[in-house]
Protein backbone atom coordinates (compact mmCIF):
# COMPACT_ATOMS: atom_id res chain seq x y z
CA MET A 1 81.24 98.38 149.28
CA SER A 2 80.96 101.93 147.96
CA LYS A 3 78.64 104.89 148.32
CA ILE A 4 77.43 106.54 145.13
CA MET A 5 75.45 109.76 144.82
CA ALA A 6 73.02 109.87 141.87
CA VAL A 7 72.14 113.46 140.92
CA ASN A 8 69.52 115.09 138.71
CA ALA A 9 70.02 118.87 138.66
CA GLY A 10 67.38 121.16 137.19
CA SER A 11 67.52 124.91 136.69
CA SER A 12 66.07 125.54 140.18
CA SER A 13 66.06 122.07 141.70
CA LEU A 14 68.27 119.22 142.83
CA LYS A 15 67.11 115.60 143.09
CA PHE A 16 69.42 113.00 144.59
CA GLN A 17 69.83 109.54 146.02
CA LEU A 18 72.76 108.07 147.92
CA PHE A 19 73.23 104.35 147.26
CA GLU A 20 75.24 101.69 149.04
CA MET A 21 76.66 99.62 146.22
CA PRO A 22 76.57 96.87 145.10
CA SER A 23 73.63 96.10 147.43
CA GLU A 24 71.77 99.09 145.89
CA GLU A 25 70.44 100.08 149.31
CA VAL A 26 69.13 103.65 149.34
CA LYS A 27 70.77 105.48 152.24
CA LEU A 28 69.23 108.86 151.42
CA ALA A 29 66.75 110.24 148.90
CA GLY A 30 65.52 113.76 148.52
CA THR A 31 65.02 117.00 146.67
CA ILE A 32 65.93 120.64 147.05
CA GLU A 33 63.44 122.84 145.20
CA ARG A 34 63.07 126.57 144.50
CA ILE A 35 66.84 127.10 144.45
CA GLY A 36 67.60 130.80 144.07
CA MET A 37 64.67 131.86 146.25
CA GLU A 38 64.17 132.82 149.89
CA ASP A 39 61.80 129.91 150.49
CA ALA A 40 63.71 126.98 148.98
CA ILE A 41 62.37 123.61 150.15
CA VAL A 42 64.65 120.83 151.39
CA THR A 43 63.14 117.33 151.60
CA LEU A 44 65.16 114.37 152.86
CA LYS A 45 64.19 110.72 153.43
CA PHE A 46 66.52 108.43 155.39
CA ASN A 47 66.40 105.72 158.02
CA GLY A 48 62.64 105.44 157.70
CA LYS A 49 61.99 109.10 158.47
CA LYS A 50 61.37 112.30 156.55
CA LYS A 51 62.90 115.71 157.14
CA ASN A 52 61.44 118.80 155.50
CA TYR A 53 62.22 122.49 155.94
CA THR A 54 62.31 125.84 154.15
CA ILE A 55 65.45 127.98 153.95
CA PRO A 56 66.93 130.66 151.66
CA ILE A 57 69.25 129.06 149.06
CA LYS A 58 71.02 131.35 146.60
CA ASN A 59 72.37 128.79 144.14
CA HIS A 60 73.25 125.15 143.49
CA THR A 61 76.55 125.49 145.35
CA GLU A 62 74.68 126.36 148.53
CA ALA A 63 72.18 123.56 147.87
CA VAL A 64 74.96 120.97 147.55
CA ASP A 65 76.66 122.27 150.70
CA ILE A 66 73.40 121.91 152.64
CA LEU A 67 72.94 118.37 151.35
CA LEU A 68 76.48 117.31 152.24
CA HIS A 69 76.22 118.84 155.72
CA GLU A 70 72.98 116.94 156.28
CA LEU A 71 74.70 113.69 155.33
CA VAL A 72 77.23 114.15 158.11
CA ASP A 73 74.93 115.83 160.66
CA GLU A 74 72.36 113.03 160.38
CA LYS A 75 75.15 110.44 160.54
CA ILE A 76 74.20 108.96 157.17
CA VAL A 77 77.95 109.01 156.54
CA LYS A 78 80.70 109.51 159.09
CA SER A 79 82.57 111.78 156.70
CA LEU A 80 82.29 112.93 153.08
CA GLU A 81 85.27 110.73 152.23
CA GLU A 82 82.84 107.79 152.28
CA ILE A 83 81.33 109.06 149.02
CA ASN A 84 83.18 107.20 146.27
CA GLY A 85 81.58 108.63 143.15
CA VAL A 86 78.87 110.94 141.83
CA GLY A 87 76.71 110.15 138.79
CA HIS A 88 74.91 112.98 137.00
CA ARG A 89 71.89 112.86 134.74
CA VAL A 90 72.62 114.79 131.55
CA VAL A 91 69.70 115.23 129.19
CA HIS A 92 71.46 115.61 125.84
CA GLY A 93 74.55 113.76 124.69
CA GLY A 94 74.00 114.33 120.96
CA GLU A 95 75.80 111.90 118.68
CA GLU A 96 78.97 112.30 120.69
CA PHE A 97 77.89 110.03 123.56
CA ASN A 98 76.23 106.64 123.07
CA LYS A 99 77.00 105.55 126.63
CA SER A 100 77.83 106.98 130.04
CA VAL A 101 81.29 108.52 130.47
CA ILE A 102 83.60 109.81 133.19
CA ILE A 103 83.40 113.59 133.15
CA THR A 104 86.60 115.38 132.19
CA ASP A 105 87.10 119.02 131.22
CA LYS A 106 86.77 117.94 127.58
CA VAL A 107 83.52 116.05 128.24
CA ALA A 108 82.11 119.01 130.18
CA LYS A 109 82.86 121.30 127.23
CA VAL A 110 81.08 118.99 124.80
CA ILE A 111 78.05 118.87 127.12
CA SER A 112 78.11 122.66 127.22
CA ASP A 113 78.42 122.87 123.43
CA LEU A 114 75.32 120.66 123.14
CA SER A 115 73.27 123.19 125.09
CA ASP A 116 71.83 124.49 121.81
CA LEU A 117 69.98 121.18 121.59
CA ALA A 118 68.78 121.25 125.21
CA PRO A 119 68.94 124.86 126.44
CA LEU A 120 66.73 124.22 129.48
CA HIS A 121 68.53 121.09 130.63
CA ASN A 122 72.23 120.77 129.78
CA PRO A 123 73.28 124.04 131.44
CA ALA A 124 71.39 123.02 134.60
CA ASN A 125 72.95 119.56 134.54
CA LEU A 126 76.40 121.15 134.26
CA THR A 127 75.62 123.53 137.11
CA GLY A 128 74.91 120.55 139.36
CA TYR A 129 78.09 118.82 138.24
CA LYS A 130 80.24 121.89 138.97
CA ALA A 131 78.67 122.35 142.40
CA PHE A 132 79.39 118.75 143.38
CA LYS A 133 82.87 118.88 141.85
CA ASN A 134 83.74 121.92 143.94
CA ALA A 135 82.34 120.31 147.08
CA LEU A 136 83.93 116.89 146.43
CA PRO A 137 87.11 117.64 144.44
CA LYS A 138 88.72 114.25 145.11
CA VAL A 139 85.76 112.26 143.77
CA GLN A 140 85.30 111.28 140.13
CA HIS A 141 82.05 112.13 138.37
CA VAL A 142 80.11 110.31 135.66
CA ALA A 143 77.63 111.65 133.08
CA VAL A 144 74.64 109.44 132.24
CA PHE A 145 72.80 110.67 129.14
CA ASP A 146 69.05 110.55 128.44
CA THR A 147 69.77 110.25 124.73
CA ALA A 148 72.39 107.49 124.88
CA PHE A 149 70.03 104.50 124.87
CA HIS A 150 68.47 105.66 121.61
CA GLN A 151 71.78 105.88 119.75
CA THR A 152 71.27 102.30 118.50
CA MET A 153 68.59 103.56 116.08
CA GLU A 154 69.42 103.11 112.40
CA SER A 155 69.73 106.19 110.21
CA ASP A 156 66.43 105.50 108.43
CA ARG A 157 64.75 105.93 111.84
CA PHE A 158 66.53 109.11 112.98
CA ILE A 159 67.05 111.11 109.77
CA TYR A 160 64.23 113.57 108.99
CA PRO A 161 63.01 113.91 105.38
CA ILE A 162 64.42 117.42 105.00
CA PRO A 163 67.55 118.56 103.12
CA TYR A 164 70.32 116.23 104.27
CA GLU A 165 72.79 119.07 104.77
CA TYR A 166 70.79 120.21 107.81
CA TYR A 167 71.78 116.96 109.47
CA GLU A 168 75.37 117.27 108.26
CA ASN A 169 75.77 120.91 109.25
CA PHE A 170 73.49 121.30 112.28
CA LYS A 171 72.88 117.71 113.50
CA VAL A 172 69.12 118.04 113.00
CA ARG A 173 67.85 114.48 113.60
CA ARG A 174 65.73 112.41 115.93
CA TYR A 175 67.49 111.88 119.26
CA GLY A 176 64.85 110.65 121.68
CA PHE A 177 64.77 111.18 125.43
CA HIS A 178 63.88 109.37 128.69
CA GLY A 179 66.51 106.85 127.58
CA THR A 180 67.63 105.95 131.10
CA SER A 181 64.04 105.11 132.04
CA HIS A 182 63.43 103.10 128.87
CA LEU A 183 66.66 101.21 129.50
CA TYR A 184 65.78 100.36 133.11
CA VAL A 185 62.21 99.17 132.55
CA SER A 186 63.06 97.23 129.37
CA GLN A 187 65.85 95.38 131.16
CA ARG A 188 63.54 94.63 134.07
CA CYS A 189 60.87 93.46 131.64
CA GLN A 190 63.34 91.08 130.00
CA GLU A 191 64.09 89.62 133.42
CA LEU A 192 60.35 89.12 134.03
CA LEU A 193 60.10 87.40 130.64
CA GLY A 194 62.85 84.98 131.67
CA ASN A 195 65.74 86.74 129.87
CA PRO A 196 64.98 85.40 126.37
CA VAL A 197 67.64 85.73 123.67
CA HIS A 198 65.14 87.51 121.43
CA SER A 199 62.55 89.96 122.69
CA ARG A 200 60.23 92.64 121.33
CA ILE A 201 59.24 95.17 123.96
CA ILE A 202 57.41 98.50 123.74
CA THR A 203 58.07 100.76 126.71
CA CYS A 204 55.66 103.59 127.53
CA HIS A 205 57.17 106.31 129.72
CA ILE A 206 54.02 108.34 130.32
CA GLY A 207 54.28 111.28 132.67
CA ASN A 208 53.81 115.01 132.20
CA GLY A 209 56.43 114.42 129.53
CA ALA A 210 55.96 111.19 127.61
CA SER A 211 57.69 108.95 125.11
CA LEU A 212 57.50 105.41 123.78
CA ALA A 213 60.34 103.20 122.59
CA ALA A 214 60.45 100.10 120.41
CA ILE A 215 63.12 97.77 121.79
CA LYS A 216 64.32 94.65 120.00
CA ASP A 217 66.70 92.23 121.72
CA GLY A 218 67.52 94.90 124.29
CA LYS A 219 68.33 97.66 121.78
CA CYS A 220 66.23 100.68 120.88
CA VAL A 221 65.13 100.66 117.24
CA ASP A 222 62.74 103.63 117.40
CA THR A 223 61.36 106.19 119.82
CA SER A 224 58.62 108.81 119.72
CA MET A 225 60.43 111.96 120.85
CA GLY A 226 62.57 113.62 118.23
CA PHE A 227 64.98 116.52 117.82
CA THR A 228 63.49 117.89 121.05
CA PRO A 229 61.18 116.50 123.75
CA LEU A 230 58.27 118.33 122.05
CA ALA A 231 57.72 115.57 119.50
CA GLY A 232 55.73 112.35 119.73
CA VAL A 233 52.62 111.69 121.82
CA MET A 234 50.40 114.32 123.41
CA MET A 235 51.67 115.30 126.88
CA GLY A 236 50.69 117.44 129.85
CA THR A 237 51.54 120.79 128.26
CA ARG A 238 53.28 119.68 125.04
CA SER A 239 51.44 119.13 121.78
CA GLY A 240 53.43 116.18 120.50
CA ASP A 241 53.49 115.72 116.72
CA ILE A 242 51.63 118.35 114.69
CA ASP A 243 51.78 119.74 111.15
CA PRO A 244 54.86 122.04 111.24
CA ALA A 245 53.09 124.57 109.00
CA ILE A 246 50.88 125.41 112.00
CA VAL A 247 53.82 127.29 113.49
CA THR A 248 54.06 129.87 110.68
CA PHE A 249 50.27 129.98 110.27
CA LEU A 250 49.72 130.89 113.93
CA SER A 251 52.70 133.22 113.87
CA GLY A 252 50.97 135.29 111.21
CA LYS A 253 47.51 135.12 112.77
CA LEU A 254 48.66 136.00 116.29
CA GLY A 255 51.47 138.39 115.44
CA LYS A 256 53.91 136.25 117.39
CA THR A 257 57.38 134.95 116.56
CA ALA A 258 58.09 131.32 115.73
CA GLU A 259 59.78 131.05 119.14
CA ASP A 260 56.58 132.31 120.79
CA ILE A 261 54.54 129.63 119.03
CA VAL A 262 57.00 126.87 119.96
CA ASN A 263 56.76 128.08 123.55
CA ILE A 264 52.97 127.71 123.35
CA LEU A 265 53.38 124.20 121.93
CA ASN A 266 55.70 123.34 124.83
CA LYS A 267 53.94 125.01 127.74
CA LYS A 268 50.30 125.70 126.88
CA SER A 269 49.26 122.75 124.74
CA GLY A 270 48.63 119.04 125.31
CA LEU A 271 46.11 118.13 128.00
CA LEU A 272 46.13 121.72 129.26
CA GLY A 273 45.54 123.25 125.84
CA VAL A 274 42.70 120.97 124.77
CA SER A 275 40.89 120.72 128.11
CA GLY A 276 41.40 124.30 129.26
CA LEU A 277 41.50 122.83 132.76
CA SER A 278 44.87 121.42 133.69
CA SER A 279 47.95 119.54 132.55
CA ASP A 280 47.36 117.01 135.35
CA ALA A 281 45.56 113.85 134.25
CA ARG A 282 43.90 113.61 137.66
CA ASP A 283 42.21 116.96 137.10
CA ILE A 284 41.21 115.83 133.62
CA GLN A 285 39.49 112.77 135.08
CA VAL A 286 37.61 114.95 137.58
CA GLY A 287 36.47 117.09 134.66
CA ILE A 288 35.30 113.99 132.78
CA ASP A 289 33.38 112.79 135.84
CA GLN A 290 31.67 116.19 135.96
CA GLY A 291 30.65 115.96 132.31
CA ASN A 292 33.23 118.35 130.86
CA GLN A 293 33.37 117.52 127.15
CA ARG A 294 36.72 119.18 126.51
CA ALA A 295 38.27 117.14 129.29
CA LEU A 296 36.84 114.02 127.67
CA LEU A 297 38.19 115.13 124.29
CA ALA A 298 41.66 115.68 125.78
CA ARG A 299 41.63 112.20 127.31
CA LYS A 300 40.57 110.61 124.00
CA ILE A 301 43.29 112.40 122.03
CA HIS A 302 45.84 111.41 124.66
CA VAL A 303 44.88 107.74 124.41
CA ASN A 304 44.78 107.85 120.60
CA THR A 305 48.30 109.25 120.24
CA VAL A 306 49.75 106.55 122.50
CA CYS A 307 47.85 103.81 120.67
CA ASN A 308 49.01 105.09 117.28
CA PHE A 309 52.65 104.65 118.32
CA LEU A 310 51.91 101.25 119.86
CA GLY A 311 50.46 100.09 116.55
CA SER A 312 53.36 101.51 114.57
CA TYR A 313 55.93 99.83 116.81
CA TYR A 314 54.08 96.51 116.70
CA ILE A 315 54.60 96.52 112.94
CA GLU A 316 58.17 97.78 113.21
CA LEU A 317 59.16 95.05 115.67
CA GLY A 318 57.36 92.33 113.72
CA GLY A 319 55.12 91.64 116.71
CA CYS A 320 55.36 92.28 120.42
CA ASP A 321 56.15 90.18 123.48
CA ALA A 322 55.43 92.81 126.12
CA ILE A 323 54.23 96.35 126.72
CA VAL A 324 55.50 98.25 129.77
CA PHE A 325 53.83 101.23 131.44
CA THR A 326 56.03 103.45 133.60
CA ALA A 327 56.45 107.02 134.97
CA GLY A 328 53.75 109.17 136.58
CA LEU A 329 50.67 108.24 134.56
CA GLY A 330 51.96 104.88 133.43
CA GLU A 331 52.51 103.75 137.01
CA ASN A 332 49.52 105.43 138.66
CA ASP A 333 46.66 106.11 136.25
CA ILE A 334 44.55 102.95 136.33
CA LYS A 335 41.85 104.26 133.98
CA PHE A 336 44.36 105.55 131.44
CA ARG A 337 46.00 102.11 131.15
CA GLU A 338 42.60 100.48 130.83
CA LEU A 339 41.53 102.80 128.01
CA ILE A 340 44.73 102.13 126.06
CA ILE A 341 44.51 98.35 126.44
CA ASP A 342 40.81 98.35 125.52
CA LYS A 343 41.63 100.21 122.30
CA ILE A 344 44.40 97.82 121.20
CA SER A 345 43.11 94.61 122.77
CA GLU A 346 41.72 93.05 119.58
CA SER A 347 44.69 93.83 117.33
CA PHE A 348 47.32 92.88 119.95
CA GLY A 349 45.44 89.93 121.41
CA ILE A 350 45.52 91.38 124.92
CA LYS A 351 43.06 90.81 127.73
CA LEU A 352 43.32 93.13 130.70
CA ASP A 353 42.98 91.73 134.21
CA LYS A 354 41.10 94.65 135.76
CA GLU A 355 41.74 93.47 139.30
CA LYS A 356 45.50 93.29 138.75
CA ASN A 357 45.39 96.63 136.92
CA ASN A 358 43.98 98.23 140.08
CA VAL A 359 47.48 99.14 141.35
CA ARG A 360 49.62 102.24 141.61
CA CYS A 361 53.42 102.42 141.53
CA GLN A 362 53.77 98.66 141.92
CA GLU A 363 55.47 96.13 139.64
CA THR A 364 52.62 94.01 138.29
CA LEU A 365 51.59 91.88 135.32
CA ILE A 366 48.18 93.32 134.40
CA SER A 367 47.31 91.13 131.40
CA THR A 368 45.59 87.76 131.68
CA PRO A 369 47.51 84.46 131.21
CA ASP A 370 45.89 83.83 127.83
CA SER A 371 46.95 87.20 126.37
CA LYS A 372 49.23 87.00 123.34
CA VAL A 373 51.14 90.06 124.59
CA LYS A 374 52.05 90.55 128.25
CA VAL A 375 51.42 93.97 129.79
CA PHE A 376 53.43 95.12 132.81
CA VAL A 377 53.46 98.08 135.13
CA ILE A 378 57.11 98.61 136.13
CA PRO A 379 58.05 101.63 138.27
CA THR A 380 61.04 103.34 136.72
CA ASN A 381 64.31 103.87 138.57
CA GLU A 382 66.62 106.14 136.64
CA GLU A 383 68.73 106.81 139.73
CA ILE A 384 69.82 103.20 140.09
CA VAL A 385 70.92 103.17 136.43
CA ILE A 386 73.03 106.24 137.17
CA ALA A 387 74.54 104.55 140.22
CA ARG A 388 75.24 101.29 138.35
CA ASP A 389 76.97 103.08 135.48
CA THR A 390 79.01 105.15 137.92
CA VAL A 391 80.23 102.04 139.76
CA LYS A 392 81.02 100.30 136.48
CA LEU A 393 82.98 103.20 134.95
CA LEU A 394 84.87 104.03 138.14
CA LYS A 395 85.56 100.32 138.75
CA LEU A 396 84.40 100.54 142.35
């Protein structure tokens, strides 16, 4: 038996779960938000109860100290020596990492060097690692990369049709993200299919950020996000794929820099940009119910972009055995799933069981028995993937 902490550190937040392995029992789950502010929020769930309070937290080091003190004070562990390993989510592993690794000084430097490719994420992930390393110096740490699962893509899928030297010199290529989620739900889907030797699965991680992956025999062959998480389907505030010439066109028209325009494409576009209402799909649906035509337009574009990738991946995989919906919208937005299945039902041979589709955040088969392609809702669990890889690498 071992206790593993799975960590996802953001620039001002810390998400975590403490697992008892190999039983995979969750001993503690929680978040610390608004780190760096006087009103940081600590939320802990353990032993069937919830603890929530506000407190000034200067930095991640203080946040980790608070978490570790809570573990002992609430008798979740008798002492910190019970923690056998810590697994950290790291967004970008570039081409250097195609699987999880034990973090050494050399690995930490490579993760830092990759910050150019993920400036909002890798530095924050490293900050969390350093805070836990200082607090638990005797414990080994593991990095689990969002990009690793997609490293099985062939070069004709990840090389962009631009001068090849940009790939050689600057590593400009498609990387893909949400890999840990795509890995988890695709593996779970294979189990639900009876663990066939050959499988063709399309996973749809649809949240405020969103990506799809085409997975053949357990390996990713293509994914919708690209060099950055801006590419692919329409998202909450991100545009997804657009004509790149729009960047320079708007730069000239608005008197803004290219960086300003990319910021708009990341933070003011997508559902928010088209609807003018919100980046939250729930607010979009309220707008639709009230007759707001821009909200309806945003929903239609959102559905269309997902369906376009589904169709593309159906061809790429030579057919499809199953489609999986996961993440915030995928797990909870009943109407969104229905609209997507209705649009592809004829070409995919899918019939939606509307009664079974009437679920939120629950593992369910939502297609009818006579459908040619099965459709599942599978709640994602990136934290358990982190814990499993940590146990495996540390041989616990």
